[in-house]
Structures are given as structure tokens and as C-alpha cells.
């Protein structure tokens, strides 16, 4: 039942904010926590995006998260692999919960999938610039706040291959320069 409690807590926290932190009693569980530092930025929750052919896309080094640049917007979301890892059973003890436990777990996992089947979107009009810092892609908003930095999955900051991250940021900054200045 601890697994079910953790799943229900995760669902409630993710549904209430774009920032979430939920942990099962077993800290070794991959995908047990998802944390995004900035709570008051201009990013918004959107339906999960599919990669578009020919559009810049960046995969994290652990393959759990991805960034995409589409239609003057940057999207941050879990990859299909990350979704799969969050949704798969964690250990044999969880598999032997009995009928009621199994039903509750299935319902809770369904709710988690519905919440995680979304991403965060940041319009380039709301940004001043993007940069790469130690493998992290950081966006600076018009108000000077850094967003999409310190994104953690299972207490591991999501980092990107340096050369790919720099290429992605160059594409973002080039497109950003062609847009109007920060909106009021």
C-alpha cells in the first residue's frame, strides 16, 4: 500500500502545480520524484508533444527527458522511455498486493499516466535568452528568472550532451532574436 500512497501523492501534487516532488518510501525507485525548481515562471502545462521532423530536439543524457523547439515555443517533457520507467512495476513485493491492492494500484497508475502525459511549454516571447551551464539548458525570462534549470528526476538533475545542448540553445537564441522583445 506504500506504493499506492506514493502514486496518489504524486498525482495530487502534479495536478496542482507545474512543480512537484513526491517520493515513495523506497528512495532507490527510479522516477519516484520529479522536481522543477521555478514555481512562478511563465511556463504552462500543455498536452504531450510529438517530435516534429526537422525541428530541434534535445534528449537528456539519461534519456528520461527531452526538450523540443516548435512554433516559437520550447517544450520540456518526459520521453517515452521516461514514461515507461515511471509506469512499470518496481519490485516483486508490489506485485503481490492482492486483488484490492492491485485494483487500487492500477487506478492510481492510470491517474499518474494522465498527469505525466503532459509537458511544460515556454514561449520564446517570454524569454530573453537561453544558455548552457554544465550540461543544463537554462532559459532566462523577461523578468530575469531562470527556468527549466534544476529539473530533477529521482533526485538527478537532467543534463544534456554539451555539444547538442549548445546547438539547441543556438537555434533557440537565433529564433528568439527574430521575435519581438519581451512582452509587457
N, C-alpha and C. Protein backbone atom coordinates (compact mmCIF):
# COMPACT_ATOMS: atom_id res chain seq x y z
N UNK A 1 0.81 -1.20 0.00
CA UNK A 1 0.00 0.00 0.00
C UNK A 1 0.86 1.27 0.00
N UNK A 2 2.15 1.18 0.42
CA UNK A 2 3.01 2.37 0.38
C UNK A 2 3.18 2.86 -1.05
N UNK A 3 3.27 1.93 -1.99
CA UNK A 3 3.39 2.30 -3.40
C UNK A 3 2.15 3.06 -3.85
N UNK A 4 0.98 2.60 -3.47
CA UNK A 4 -0.27 3.26 -3.86
C UNK A 4 -0.32 4.66 -3.25
N UNK A 5 0.07 4.78 -1.99
CA UNK A 5 0.09 6.09 -1.33
C UNK A 5 1.03 7.04 -2.08
N UNK A 6 2.21 6.55 -2.47
CA UNK A 6 3.17 7.39 -3.20
C UNK A 6 2.61 7.81 -4.55
N UNK A 7 1.95 6.90 -5.24
CA UNK A 7 1.37 7.23 -6.55
C UNK A 7 0.26 8.26 -6.40
N UNK A 8 -0.60 8.10 -5.41
CA UNK A 8 -1.69 9.06 -5.19
C UNK A 8 -1.14 10.43 -4.83
N UNK A 9 -0.11 10.47 -3.99
CA UNK A 9 0.51 11.75 -3.63
C UNK A 9 1.13 12.42 -4.86
N UNK A 10 1.81 11.63 -5.68
CA UNK A 10 2.41 12.16 -6.90
C UNK A 10 1.36 12.76 -7.81
N UNK A 11 0.27 12.04 -7.99
CA UNK A 11 -0.82 12.53 -8.85
C UNK A 11 -1.38 13.84 -8.33
N UNK A 12 -1.64 13.92 -7.05
CA UNK A 12 -2.21 15.14 -6.47
C UNK A 12 -1.27 16.32 -6.62
N UNK A 13 0.01 16.12 -6.36
CA UNK A 13 0.96 17.21 -6.44
C UNK A 13 1.18 17.68 -7.88
N UNK A 14 1.30 16.74 -8.81
CA UNK A 14 1.49 17.12 -10.20
C UNK A 14 0.28 17.83 -10.77
N UNK A 15 -0.89 17.42 -10.35
CA UNK A 15 -2.11 18.05 -10.85
C UNK A 15 -2.28 19.46 -10.33
N UNK A 16 -1.74 19.76 -9.17
CA UNK A 16 -1.97 21.07 -8.55
C UNK A 16 -0.95 22.12 -8.95
N UNK A 17 0.17 21.72 -9.55
CA UNK A 17 1.19 22.70 -9.88
C UNK A 17 2.11 22.17 -10.97
N UNK A 18 2.87 23.04 -11.59
CA UNK A 18 3.86 22.59 -12.55
C UNK A 18 5.12 22.13 -11.84
N UNK A 19 5.17 22.34 -10.56
CA UNK A 19 6.28 21.89 -9.75
C UNK A 19 5.79 20.78 -8.85
N UNK A 20 6.54 19.68 -8.79
CA UNK A 20 6.12 18.58 -7.94
C UNK A 20 7.31 17.88 -7.34
N UNK A 21 7.08 17.29 -6.16
CA UNK A 21 8.10 16.47 -5.52
C UNK A 21 7.38 15.43 -4.70
N UNK A 22 7.44 14.21 -5.14
CA UNK A 22 6.81 13.11 -4.40
C UNK A 22 7.79 11.96 -4.36
N UNK A 23 7.83 11.26 -3.25
CA UNK A 23 8.80 10.20 -3.10
C UNK A 23 8.15 9.01 -2.43
N UNK A 24 8.44 7.82 -2.95
CA UNK A 24 7.98 6.62 -2.28
C UNK A 24 8.92 6.35 -1.12
N UNK A 25 8.55 5.47 -0.19
CA UNK A 25 9.45 5.16 0.92
C UNK A 25 10.76 4.55 0.45
N UNK A 26 10.79 3.96 -0.74
CA UNK A 26 11.99 3.35 -1.28
C UNK A 26 12.70 4.36 -2.18
N UNK A 27 13.76 5.03 -1.67
CA UNK A 27 14.45 6.07 -2.42
C UNK A 27 15.13 5.55 -3.68
N UNK A 28 15.34 4.24 -3.80
CA UNK A 28 16.00 3.71 -4.98
C UNK A 28 15.05 3.58 -6.16
N UNK A 29 13.78 3.82 -5.97
CA UNK A 29 12.79 3.68 -7.04
C UNK A 29 13.03 4.74 -8.09
N UNK A 30 13.32 4.33 -9.31
CA UNK A 30 13.53 5.29 -10.41
C UNK A 30 12.21 5.98 -10.72
N UNK A 31 12.28 7.29 -10.93
CA UNK A 31 11.09 8.03 -11.27
C UNK A 31 10.23 8.36 -10.07
N UNK A 32 10.74 8.11 -8.86
CA UNK A 32 9.95 8.35 -7.67
C UNK A 32 9.74 9.82 -7.42
N UNK A 33 10.60 10.66 -7.93
CA UNK A 33 10.40 12.09 -7.72
C UNK A 33 10.69 12.86 -8.99
N UNK A 34 9.91 13.90 -9.18
CA UNK A 34 10.11 14.81 -10.29
C UNK A 34 10.04 16.21 -9.70
N UNK A 35 11.10 16.98 -9.84
CA UNK A 35 11.17 18.29 -9.23
C UNK A 35 11.57 19.32 -10.27
N UNK A 36 10.86 20.44 -10.25
CA UNK A 36 11.21 21.58 -11.09
C UNK A 36 11.30 22.77 -10.16
N UNK A 37 12.48 23.42 -10.14
CA UNK A 37 12.74 24.47 -9.16
C UNK A 37 11.82 25.68 -9.25
N UNK A 38 11.66 26.25 -10.43
CA UNK A 38 10.91 27.50 -10.57
C UNK A 38 9.42 27.26 -10.52
N UNK A 39 8.73 27.93 -9.60
CA UNK A 39 7.30 27.74 -9.42
C UNK A 39 6.47 28.87 -10.02
N UNK A 40 7.08 30.03 -10.24
CA UNK A 40 6.31 31.20 -10.65
C UNK A 40 6.73 31.75 -12.02
N UNK A 41 7.19 30.90 -12.89
CA UNK A 41 7.64 31.34 -14.20
C UNK A 41 6.50 31.40 -15.20
N UNK A 42 6.81 31.81 -16.41
CA UNK A 42 5.79 31.92 -17.46
C UNK A 42 5.47 30.60 -18.14
N UNK A 43 6.10 29.51 -17.73
CA UNK A 43 5.82 28.22 -18.38
C UNK A 43 4.42 27.75 -18.02
N UNK A 44 3.85 26.94 -18.92
CA UNK A 44 2.49 26.45 -18.70
C UNK A 44 2.43 24.96 -19.03
N UNK A 45 1.46 24.28 -18.45
CA UNK A 45 1.26 22.86 -18.70
C UNK A 45 0.49 22.70 -20.00
N UNK A 46 0.97 21.80 -20.86
CA UNK A 46 0.36 21.57 -22.16
C UNK A 46 0.29 20.07 -22.43
N UNK A 47 -0.55 19.66 -23.38
CA UNK A 47 -0.57 18.24 -23.76
C UNK A 47 0.80 17.81 -24.28
N UNK A 48 1.11 16.57 -24.10
CA UNK A 48 2.39 16.00 -24.54
C UNK A 48 2.56 16.22 -26.05
N UNK A 49 3.76 16.56 -26.44
CA UNK A 49 4.09 16.87 -27.84
C UNK A 49 4.82 15.71 -28.49
N UNK A 50 4.62 15.54 -29.76
CA UNK A 50 5.37 14.57 -30.55
C UNK A 50 6.48 15.33 -31.27
N UNK A 51 7.67 14.73 -31.36
CA UNK A 51 8.75 15.40 -32.10
C UNK A 51 8.34 15.66 -33.54
N UNK A 52 8.73 16.81 -34.04
CA UNK A 52 8.44 17.19 -35.43
C UNK A 52 9.71 17.02 -36.25
N UNK A 53 9.56 16.46 -37.41
CA UNK A 53 10.69 16.24 -38.31
C UNK A 53 11.35 17.57 -38.66
N UNK A 54 12.66 17.61 -38.54
CA UNK A 54 13.41 18.80 -38.91
C UNK A 54 13.43 19.89 -37.85
N UNK A 55 12.76 19.71 -36.73
CA UNK A 55 12.74 20.70 -35.65
C UNK A 55 13.76 20.30 -34.59
N UNK A 56 14.42 21.28 -33.97
CA UNK A 56 15.41 20.96 -32.94
C UNK A 56 14.80 20.18 -31.77
N UNK A 57 15.52 19.13 -31.36
CA UNK A 57 15.09 18.28 -30.25
C UNK A 57 16.34 17.89 -29.48
N UNK A 58 16.21 17.84 -28.16
CA UNK A 58 17.34 17.56 -27.29
C UNK A 58 16.95 16.49 -26.29
N UNK A 59 17.71 15.42 -26.22
CA UNK A 59 17.45 14.30 -25.32
C UNK A 59 18.44 14.35 -24.16
N UNK A 60 17.95 14.19 -22.92
CA UNK A 60 18.84 14.22 -21.76
C UNK A 60 19.81 13.04 -21.81
N UNK A 61 20.92 13.16 -21.10
CA UNK A 61 21.93 12.10 -21.12
C UNK A 61 21.39 10.79 -20.56
N UNK A 62 20.44 10.84 -19.63
CA UNK A 62 19.87 9.60 -19.09
C UNK A 62 18.63 9.16 -19.86
N UNK A 63 18.25 9.91 -20.90
CA UNK A 63 17.14 9.63 -21.80
C UNK A 63 15.76 9.69 -21.13
N UNK A 64 15.65 10.34 -19.98
CA UNK A 64 14.37 10.45 -19.27
C UNK A 64 13.57 11.66 -19.71
N UNK A 65 14.23 12.73 -20.15
CA UNK A 65 13.51 13.95 -20.52
C UNK A 65 14.00 14.46 -21.87
N UNK A 66 13.18 15.33 -22.46
CA UNK A 66 13.53 15.91 -23.75
C UNK A 66 13.02 17.34 -23.83
N UNK A 67 13.72 18.12 -24.66
CA UNK A 67 13.27 19.47 -25.00
C UNK A 67 13.08 19.51 -26.50
N UNK A 68 12.05 20.23 -26.91
CA UNK A 68 11.77 20.40 -28.33
C UNK A 68 11.49 21.87 -28.60
N UNK A 69 11.87 22.33 -29.76
CA UNK A 69 11.58 23.69 -30.20
C UNK A 69 10.61 23.59 -31.37
N UNK A 70 9.40 24.06 -31.15
CA UNK A 70 8.36 24.04 -32.19
C UNK A 70 7.53 25.31 -32.09
N UNK A 71 7.25 25.92 -33.22
CA UNK A 71 6.34 27.07 -33.28
C UNK A 71 6.64 28.14 -32.24
N UNK A 72 7.90 28.56 -32.16
CA UNK A 72 8.33 29.63 -31.25
C UNK A 72 8.08 29.29 -29.78
N UNK A 73 8.05 28.00 -29.47
CA UNK A 73 7.84 27.54 -28.10
C UNK A 73 8.80 26.39 -27.82
N UNK A 74 9.33 26.37 -26.61
CA UNK A 74 10.16 25.26 -26.15
C UNK A 74 9.30 24.38 -25.26
N UNK A 75 9.35 23.08 -25.49
CA UNK A 75 8.59 22.10 -24.70
C UNK A 75 9.57 21.23 -23.93
N UNK A 76 9.25 20.98 -22.67
CA UNK A 76 10.02 20.09 -21.81
C UNK A 76 9.06 19.02 -21.30
N UNK A 77 9.44 17.75 -21.48
CA UNK A 77 8.56 16.66 -21.05
C UNK A 77 9.38 15.39 -20.84
N UNK A 78 8.74 14.40 -20.23
CA UNK A 78 9.35 13.08 -20.12
C UNK A 78 9.37 12.45 -21.51
N UNK A 79 10.40 11.66 -21.78
CA UNK A 79 10.45 10.91 -23.03
C UNK A 79 9.52 9.70 -22.90
N UNK A 80 9.32 8.99 -24.00
CA UNK A 80 8.56 7.74 -23.93
C UNK A 80 9.23 6.77 -22.97
N UNK A 81 10.57 6.73 -23.01
CA UNK A 81 11.33 5.87 -22.10
C UNK A 81 11.09 6.28 -20.64
N UNK A 82 11.14 7.58 -20.36
CA UNK A 82 10.88 8.07 -19.01
C UNK A 82 9.48 7.72 -18.53
N UNK A 83 8.50 7.87 -19.42
CA UNK A 83 7.12 7.49 -19.07
C UNK A 83 7.04 6.00 -18.74
N UNK A 84 7.71 5.18 -19.55
CA UNK A 84 7.69 3.73 -19.33
C UNK A 84 8.30 3.38 -17.98
N UNK A 85 9.42 4.00 -17.64
CA UNK A 85 10.10 3.71 -16.38
C UNK A 85 9.24 4.13 -15.18
N UNK A 86 8.51 5.21 -15.30
CA UNK A 86 7.64 5.66 -14.21
C UNK A 86 6.48 4.69 -14.04
N UNK A 87 5.99 4.14 -15.14
CA UNK A 87 4.78 3.33 -15.09
C UNK A 87 5.01 1.84 -14.81
N UNK A 88 6.24 1.34 -14.93
CA UNK A 88 6.43 -0.10 -14.75
C UNK A 88 6.50 -0.49 -13.28
N UNK A 89 6.09 -1.73 -12.93
CA UNK A 89 6.14 -2.19 -11.54
C UNK A 89 7.56 -2.14 -11.01
N UNK A 90 7.69 -1.84 -9.72
CA UNK A 90 9.01 -1.62 -9.15
C UNK A 90 9.67 -2.86 -8.55
N UNK A 91 8.92 -3.71 -7.89
CA UNK A 91 9.53 -4.91 -7.31
C UNK A 91 8.47 -5.98 -7.06
N UNK A 92 8.92 -7.17 -6.74
CA UNK A 92 8.02 -8.30 -6.56
C UNK A 92 7.04 -8.09 -5.42
N UNK A 93 7.46 -7.40 -4.37
CA UNK A 93 6.57 -7.16 -3.23
C UNK A 93 5.35 -6.35 -3.66
N UNK A 94 5.55 -5.36 -4.52
CA UNK A 94 4.43 -4.56 -5.02
C UNK A 94 3.48 -5.40 -5.87
N UNK A 95 4.00 -6.43 -6.55
CA UNK A 95 3.18 -7.25 -7.42
C UNK A 95 2.25 -8.17 -6.63
N UNK A 96 2.55 -8.42 -5.36
CA UNK A 96 1.76 -9.34 -4.56
C UNK A 96 0.93 -8.58 -3.52
N UNK A 97 0.05 -7.68 -3.98
CA UNK A 97 -0.75 -6.85 -3.08
C UNK A 97 -2.17 -7.37 -2.91
N UNK A 98 -2.53 -8.43 -3.57
CA UNK A 98 -3.89 -8.93 -3.50
C UNK A 98 -4.77 -8.20 -4.50
N UNK A 99 -6.02 -8.64 -4.57
CA UNK A 99 -6.95 -8.11 -5.57
C UNK A 99 -7.22 -6.62 -5.36
N UNK A 100 -7.61 -6.21 -4.15
CA UNK A 100 -7.92 -4.80 -3.89
C UNK A 100 -6.70 -3.91 -4.11
N UNK A 101 -5.56 -4.34 -3.63
CA UNK A 101 -4.33 -3.57 -3.83
C UNK A 101 -4.01 -3.42 -5.30
N UNK A 102 -4.20 -4.49 -6.05
CA UNK A 102 -3.93 -4.45 -7.49
C UNK A 102 -4.88 -3.50 -8.21
N UNK A 103 -6.16 -3.52 -7.83
CA UNK A 103 -7.15 -2.62 -8.44
C UNK A 103 -6.80 -1.17 -8.12
N UNK A 104 -6.50 -0.87 -6.85
CA UNK A 104 -6.16 0.50 -6.46
C UNK A 104 -4.89 0.98 -7.14
N UNK A 105 -3.91 0.09 -7.24
CA UNK A 105 -2.64 0.45 -7.89
C UNK A 105 -2.88 0.76 -9.38
N UNK A 106 -3.68 -0.06 -10.04
CA UNK A 106 -3.98 0.16 -11.46
C UNK A 106 -4.68 1.50 -11.65
N UNK A 107 -5.63 1.82 -10.77
CA UNK A 107 -6.34 3.10 -10.88
C UNK A 107 -5.38 4.27 -10.64
N UNK A 108 -4.52 4.13 -9.64
CA UNK A 108 -3.58 5.21 -9.33
C UNK A 108 -2.58 5.41 -10.47
N UNK A 109 -2.04 4.31 -11.01
CA UNK A 109 -1.10 4.42 -12.12
C UNK A 109 -1.75 5.06 -13.34
N UNK A 110 -3.02 4.76 -13.56
CA UNK A 110 -3.75 5.38 -14.66
C UNK A 110 -3.81 6.89 -14.48
N UNK A 111 -4.08 7.32 -13.25
CA UNK A 111 -4.12 8.75 -12.96
C UNK A 111 -2.77 9.40 -13.13
N UNK A 112 -1.71 8.72 -12.69
CA UNK A 112 -0.36 9.25 -12.84
C UNK A 112 -0.03 9.41 -14.32
N UNK A 113 -0.37 8.40 -15.14
CA UNK A 113 -0.08 8.48 -16.56
C UNK A 113 -0.81 9.66 -17.20
N UNK A 114 -2.06 9.90 -16.80
CA UNK A 114 -2.82 11.02 -17.35
C UNK A 114 -2.14 12.35 -17.01
N UNK A 115 -1.61 12.47 -15.81
CA UNK A 115 -0.94 13.72 -15.40
C UNK A 115 0.40 13.85 -16.09
N UNK A 116 1.19 12.77 -16.12
CA UNK A 116 2.53 12.83 -16.71
C UNK A 116 2.49 12.89 -18.23
N UNK A 117 1.36 12.62 -18.83
CA UNK A 117 1.22 12.67 -20.27
C UNK A 117 1.07 14.12 -20.74
N UNK A 118 1.75 15.02 -20.06
CA UNK A 118 1.76 16.44 -20.37
C UNK A 118 3.21 16.92 -20.33
N UNK A 119 3.40 18.14 -20.73
CA UNK A 119 4.72 18.74 -20.68
C UNK A 119 4.59 20.19 -20.26
N UNK A 120 5.73 20.85 -20.19
CA UNK A 120 5.76 22.27 -19.90
C UNK A 120 6.15 23.01 -21.17
N UNK A 121 5.50 24.13 -21.41
CA UNK A 121 5.79 24.94 -22.59
C UNK A 121 6.24 26.32 -22.15
N UNK A 122 7.22 26.85 -22.85
CA UNK A 122 7.71 28.20 -22.59
C UNK A 122 7.80 28.92 -23.93
N UNK A 123 7.01 29.98 -24.06
CA UNK A 123 7.02 30.77 -25.29
C UNK A 123 8.32 31.57 -25.34
N UNK A 124 8.93 31.62 -26.51
CA UNK A 124 10.17 32.38 -26.65
C UNK A 124 9.95 33.87 -26.47
N UNK A 125 8.73 34.33 -26.66
CA UNK A 125 8.41 35.75 -26.45
C UNK A 125 8.56 36.10 -24.95
N UNK A 126 8.45 35.11 -24.09
CA UNK A 126 8.59 35.33 -22.65
C UNK A 126 10.03 35.14 -22.15
N UNK A 127 10.97 34.98 -23.08
CA UNK A 127 12.36 34.76 -22.69
C UNK A 127 13.28 35.84 -23.24
N UNK A 128 14.36 36.05 -22.51
CA UNK A 128 15.42 36.94 -23.00
C UNK A 128 16.46 36.15 -23.77
N UNK A 129 16.81 34.97 -23.21
CA UNK A 129 17.86 34.17 -23.84
C UNK A 129 17.87 32.76 -23.25
N UNK A 130 18.68 31.93 -23.87
CA UNK A 130 18.92 30.57 -23.39
C UNK A 130 20.43 30.38 -23.31
N UNK A 131 20.86 29.52 -22.40
CA UNK A 131 22.28 29.24 -22.25
C UNK A 131 22.47 27.81 -21.76
N UNK A 132 23.69 27.33 -21.89
CA UNK A 132 24.04 26.01 -21.38
C UNK A 132 25.00 26.22 -20.23
N UNK A 133 24.68 25.59 -19.09
CA UNK A 133 25.53 25.70 -17.90
C UNK A 133 25.77 24.29 -17.36
N UNK A 134 26.99 23.80 -17.53
CA UNK A 134 27.36 22.46 -17.04
C UNK A 134 26.39 21.38 -17.52
N UNK A 135 25.99 21.42 -18.78
CA UNK A 135 25.11 20.41 -19.33
C UNK A 135 23.63 20.67 -19.13
N UNK A 136 23.28 21.70 -18.38
CA UNK A 136 21.88 22.07 -18.20
C UNK A 136 21.52 23.17 -19.19
N UNK A 137 20.32 23.08 -19.75
CA UNK A 137 19.82 24.16 -20.61
C UNK A 137 18.97 25.06 -19.72
N UNK A 138 19.33 26.34 -19.68
CA UNK A 138 18.67 27.31 -18.81
C UNK A 138 18.08 28.41 -19.67
N UNK A 139 16.82 28.76 -19.39
CA UNK A 139 16.16 29.86 -20.07
C UNK A 139 16.03 31.02 -19.10
N UNK A 140 16.35 32.22 -19.55
CA UNK A 140 16.21 33.42 -18.73
C UNK A 140 14.97 34.15 -19.22
N UNK A 141 14.02 34.36 -18.31
CA UNK A 141 12.76 35.02 -18.68
C UNK A 141 12.96 36.52 -18.81
N UNK A 142 11.94 37.19 -19.29
CA UNK A 142 11.97 38.64 -19.42
C UNK A 142 12.17 39.32 -18.07
N UNK A 143 11.75 38.67 -17.00
CA UNK A 143 11.91 39.23 -15.65
C UNK A 143 13.23 38.83 -15.01
N UNK A 144 14.08 38.13 -15.76
CA UNK A 144 15.39 37.75 -15.27
C UNK A 144 15.43 36.44 -14.49
N UNK A 145 14.32 35.74 -14.42
CA UNK A 145 14.30 34.45 -13.71
C UNK A 145 14.82 33.35 -14.62
N UNK A 146 15.49 32.38 -14.01
CA UNK A 146 15.94 31.21 -14.76
C UNK A 146 14.90 30.12 -14.63
N UNK A 147 14.50 29.53 -15.77
CA UNK A 147 13.51 28.45 -15.76
C UNK A 147 14.07 27.24 -16.51
N UNK A 148 13.46 26.10 -16.25
CA UNK A 148 13.85 24.79 -16.79
C UNK A 148 15.23 24.37 -16.30
N UNK A 149 15.76 25.07 -15.30
CA UNK A 149 17.00 24.63 -14.69
C UNK A 149 16.67 23.83 -13.44
N UNK A 150 17.57 23.01 -13.02
CA UNK A 150 17.39 22.17 -11.84
C UNK A 150 16.17 21.25 -11.95
N UNK A 151 15.87 20.76 -13.16
CA UNK A 151 14.82 19.78 -13.33
C UNK A 151 15.41 18.44 -12.87
N UNK A 152 14.77 17.82 -11.88
CA UNK A 152 15.29 16.58 -11.31
C UNK A 152 14.29 15.45 -11.48
N UNK A 153 14.80 14.31 -11.85
CA UNK A 153 14.01 13.08 -11.86
C UNK A 153 14.80 12.09 -11.01
N UNK A 154 14.15 11.59 -9.95
CA UNK A 154 14.79 10.70 -8.99
C UNK A 154 16.05 11.35 -8.41
N UNK A 155 15.92 12.61 -8.05
CA UNK A 155 16.99 13.41 -7.45
C UNK A 155 18.21 13.58 -8.34
N UNK A 156 18.06 13.37 -9.63
CA UNK A 156 19.16 13.56 -10.57
C UNK A 156 18.80 14.70 -11.51
N UNK A 157 19.62 15.76 -11.50
CA UNK A 157 19.39 16.89 -12.39
C UNK A 157 19.52 16.43 -13.83
N UNK A 158 18.55 16.82 -14.66
CA UNK A 158 18.55 16.43 -16.06
C UNK A 158 19.59 17.27 -16.81
N UNK A 159 20.57 16.58 -17.36
CA UNK A 159 21.63 17.24 -18.13
C UNK A 159 21.59 16.71 -19.56
N UNK A 160 22.21 17.47 -20.43
CA UNK A 160 22.19 17.17 -21.86
C UNK A 160 23.62 17.13 -22.38
N UNK A 161 23.87 16.35 -23.44
CA UNK A 161 25.21 16.35 -24.04
C UNK A 161 25.60 17.78 -24.42
N UNK A 162 26.79 18.21 -24.02
CA UNK A 162 27.22 19.60 -24.16
C UNK A 162 27.09 20.12 -25.59
N UNK A 163 27.63 19.40 -26.57
CA UNK A 163 27.60 19.89 -27.96
C UNK A 163 26.16 19.99 -28.48
N UNK A 164 25.33 18.99 -28.17
CA UNK A 164 23.93 19.02 -28.61
C UNK A 164 23.17 20.15 -27.91
N UNK A 165 23.46 20.35 -26.63
CA UNK A 165 22.79 21.42 -25.88
C UNK A 165 23.16 22.79 -26.45
N UNK A 166 24.43 22.98 -26.78
CA UNK A 166 24.86 24.26 -27.35
C UNK A 166 24.21 24.51 -28.71
N UNK A 167 24.09 23.47 -29.52
CA UNK A 167 23.42 23.60 -30.81
C UNK A 167 21.94 23.96 -30.62
N UNK A 168 21.27 23.28 -29.68
CA UNK A 168 19.87 23.56 -29.39
C UNK A 168 19.69 25.02 -28.93
N UNK A 169 20.55 25.47 -28.02
CA UNK A 169 20.48 26.84 -27.49
C UNK A 169 20.75 27.85 -28.61
N UNK A 170 21.68 27.55 -29.50
CA UNK A 170 21.93 28.46 -30.64
C UNK A 170 20.69 28.61 -31.51
N UNK A 171 19.99 27.49 -31.76
CA UNK A 171 18.74 27.55 -32.52
C UNK A 171 17.69 28.39 -31.79
N UNK A 172 17.57 28.18 -30.49
CA UNK A 172 16.60 28.94 -29.68
C UNK A 172 16.92 30.43 -29.73
N UNK A 173 18.17 30.79 -29.50
CA UNK A 173 18.56 32.21 -29.46
C UNK A 173 18.43 32.87 -30.83
N UNK A 174 18.71 32.13 -31.88
CA UNK A 174 18.54 32.67 -33.25
C UNK A 174 17.06 32.97 -33.52
N UNK A 175 16.18 32.04 -33.18
CA UNK A 175 14.75 32.26 -33.36
C UNK A 175 14.26 33.37 -32.42
N UNK A 176 14.75 33.39 -31.19
CA UNK A 176 14.36 34.41 -30.21
C UNK A 176 14.70 35.81 -30.72
N UNK A 177 15.84 35.97 -31.35
CA UNK A 177 16.28 37.28 -31.85
C UNK A 177 15.36 37.81 -32.96
N UNK A 178 14.68 36.92 -33.66
CA UNK A 178 13.78 37.33 -34.74
C UNK A 178 12.39 37.70 -34.24
N UNK A 179 12.13 37.47 -32.95
CA UNK A 179 10.81 37.76 -32.38
C UNK A 179 10.80 39.13 -31.70
N UNK A 180 9.60 39.67 -31.44
CA UNK A 180 9.52 40.94 -30.72
C UNK A 180 10.18 40.82 -29.34
N UNK A 181 10.59 41.96 -28.82
CA UNK A 181 11.19 41.97 -27.47
C UNK A 181 10.17 41.45 -26.46
N UNK A 182 10.63 41.22 -25.26
CA UNK A 182 9.76 40.69 -24.21
C UNK A 182 8.45 41.47 -24.14
N UNK A 183 7.36 40.71 -24.07
CA UNK A 183 6.05 41.38 -24.00
C UNK A 183 5.83 41.95 -22.60
N UNK A 184 5.05 43.05 -22.53
CA UNK A 184 4.86 43.71 -21.24
C UNK A 184 4.08 42.89 -20.24
